[in-house]
Structure formats: structure tokens, C-alpha cells
C-alpha atoms as a PDB file:
ATOM      1  CA  ASN A   1      -2.867 -17.029 -28.229  1.00  0.00           C
ATOM      2  CA  ALA A   2       0.251 -14.897 -28.629  1.00  0.00           C
ATOM      3  CA  PHE A   3       2.320 -17.411 -26.661  1.00  0.00           C
ATOM      4  CA  LYS A   4       1.247 -20.332 -28.842  1.00  0.00           C
ATOM      5  CA  ARG A   5       1.292 -22.594 -25.778  1.00  0.00           C
ATOM      6  CA  PRO A   6      -1.437 -24.501 -23.995  1.00  0.00           C
ATOM      7  CA  GLU A   7      -3.126 -22.481 -21.252  1.00  0.00           C
ATOM      8  CA  ASN A   8      -2.282 -25.136 -18.681  1.00  0.00           C
ATOM      9  CA  GLU A   9       1.395 -24.104 -19.079  1.00  0.00           C
ATOM     10  CA  ILE A  10       1.081 -20.305 -18.993  1.00  0.00           C
ATOM     11  CA  ILE A  11       1.665 -18.196 -15.873  1.00  0.00           C
ATOM     12  CA  LEU A  12       1.061 -14.465 -16.019  1.00  0.00           C
ATOM     13  CA  VAL A  13       2.376 -12.251 -13.230  1.00  0.00           C
ATOM     14  CA  ASP A  14       1.149  -8.652 -13.139  1.00  0.00           C
ATOM     15  CA  ASP A  15       0.472  -5.809 -10.740  1.00  0.00           C
ATOM     16  CA  ASN A  16      -2.629  -4.627 -12.581  1.00  0.00           C
ATOM     17  CA  PRO A  17      -5.697  -6.494 -11.275  1.00  0.00           C
ATOM     18  CA  ASP A  18      -7.753  -5.243 -14.226  1.00  0.00           C
ATOM     19  CA  LEU A  19      -5.768  -7.526 -16.546  1.00  0.00           C
ATOM     20  CA  LYS A  20      -6.826 -10.653 -14.673  1.00  0.00           C
ATOM     21  CA  VAL A  21     -10.161 -10.478 -16.487  1.00  0.00           C
ATOM     22  CA  PHE A  22      -8.471 -11.665 -19.703  1.00  0.00           C
ATOM     23  CA  HIS A  23      -6.873 -14.805 -18.223  1.00  0.00           C
ATOM     24  CA  PRO A  24      -8.256 -15.204 -14.699  1.00  0.00           C
ATOM     25  CA  ASN A  25      -7.068 -18.766 -14.264  1.00  0.00           C
ATOM     26  CA  ASN A  26      -3.501 -18.039 -15.326  1.00  0.00           C
ATOM     27  CA  THR A  27      -2.819 -14.684 -13.686  1.00  0.00           C
ATOM     28  CA  ILE A  28      -1.059 -14.037 -10.394  1.00  0.00           C
ATOM     29  CA  ILE A  29      -1.614 -10.494  -9.150  1.00  0.00           C
ATOM     30  CA  VAL A  30       1.284  -9.031  -7.179  1.00  0.00           C
ATOM     31  CA  PRO A  31       1.628  -5.708  -5.368  1.00  0.00           C
ATOM     32  CA  LYS A  32       3.027  -2.862  -7.437  1.00  0.00           C
ATOM     33  CA  PHE A  33       6.814  -2.630  -7.130  1.00  0.00           C
ATOM     34  CA  ASP A  34       7.660   0.365  -4.958  1.00  0.00           C
ATOM     35  CA  GLY A  35      11.258   0.665  -6.159  1.00  0.00           C
ATOM     36  CA  SER A  36      12.843   0.191  -2.761  1.00  0.00           C
ATOM     37  CA  GLN A  37      15.359  -2.473  -1.768  1.00  0.00           C
ATOM     38  CA  ASN A  38      12.872  -3.580   0.880  1.00  0.00           C
ATOM     39  CA  ASP A  39      10.348  -4.607  -1.765  1.00  0.00           C
ATOM     40  CA  THR A  40      11.127  -8.322  -1.821  1.00  0.00           C
ATOM     41  CA  ILE A  41       7.639  -9.782  -2.210  1.00  0.00           C
ATOM     42  CA  LEU A  42       8.513 -11.600  -5.432  1.00  0.00           C
ATOM     43  CA  ILE A  43      11.607 -13.313  -4.114  1.00  0.00           C
ATOM     44  CA  LYS A  44       9.868 -14.252  -0.876  1.00  0.00           C
ATOM     45  CA  TRP A  45       6.841 -16.134  -2.207  1.00  0.00           C
ATOM     46  CA  LEU A  46       6.971 -16.393  -6.001  1.00  0.00           C
ATOM     47  CA  PRO A  47       9.684 -19.115  -6.206  1.00  0.00           C
ATOM     48  CA  GLU A  48       7.552 -21.517  -4.147  1.00  0.00           C
ATOM     49  CA  ILE A  49       4.548 -20.895  -6.383  1.00  0.00           C
ATOM     50  CA  LEU A  50       6.606 -21.380  -9.542  1.00  0.00           C
ATOM     51  CA  ASP A  51       8.037 -24.610  -8.148  1.00  0.00           C
ATOM     52  CA  LYS A  52       4.524 -25.919  -7.485  1.00  0.00           C
ATOM     53  CA  CYS A  53       3.482 -24.894 -11.007  1.00  0.00           C
ATOM     54  CA  ASN A  54       6.491 -26.682 -12.448  1.00  0.00           C
ATOM     55  CA  LYS A  55       5.444 -29.904 -10.705  1.00  0.00           C
ATOM     56  CA  SER A  56       1.819 -29.607 -11.777  1.00  0.00           C
ATOM     57  CA  ASN A  57       0.263 -30.792 -15.022  1.00  0.00           C
ATOM     58  CA  ASP A  58      -1.892 -27.669 -15.006  1.00  0.00           C
ATOM     59  CA  VAL A  59      -0.611 -24.394 -13.518  1.00  0.00           C
ATOM     60  CA  ARG A  60      -4.189 -23.164 -13.163  1.00  0.00           C
ATOM     61  CA  ASN A  61      -4.741 -25.681 -10.358  1.00  0.00           C
ATOM     62  CA  VAL A  62      -1.937 -24.019  -8.402  1.00  0.00           C
ATOM     63  CA  ILE A  63      -2.869 -20.447  -9.260  1.00  0.00           C
ATOM     64  CA  LYS A  64      -6.498 -20.812  -8.165  1.00  0.00           C
ATOM     65  CA  ASN A  65      -5.322 -21.675  -4.643  1.00  0.00           C
ATOM     66  CA  ILE A  66      -3.218 -18.553  -4.170  1.00  0.00           C
END
């Protein structure tokens, strides 16, 4: 509700799996950032997911298949 956007357009990315309970169909859980230069998980796989979401009418259809 805070975003004032339709849920089919909202992507939430978080490292806290407990927060997925609030928006399970819109939340992508990622590993906690370890602070090292070797922690590249987001740049390795997130751009492809975001591109798929951008091409979809409903991001939840993409997120549920992750």
C-alpha cells in the first residue's frame, strides 16, 4: 500500500526470509551481503530476473518460478 502501485508491478528484494510472509508473491529472497568484493550474487542473477519481470504483465508470475 505504501508504494501506491499495483501488486503485479512490485518487486521486493530482501535478505530476511521472515519478511516474505507479508508479500510472498512479490518478494525475492537473496543471501545476506557478506561485505566482500567476491559477493556478486546480485549482479550475477538479479539482472536476468528483472529483465523477465520487465517483460511480464505480472512480476509475480516470474517471481514464483525462482
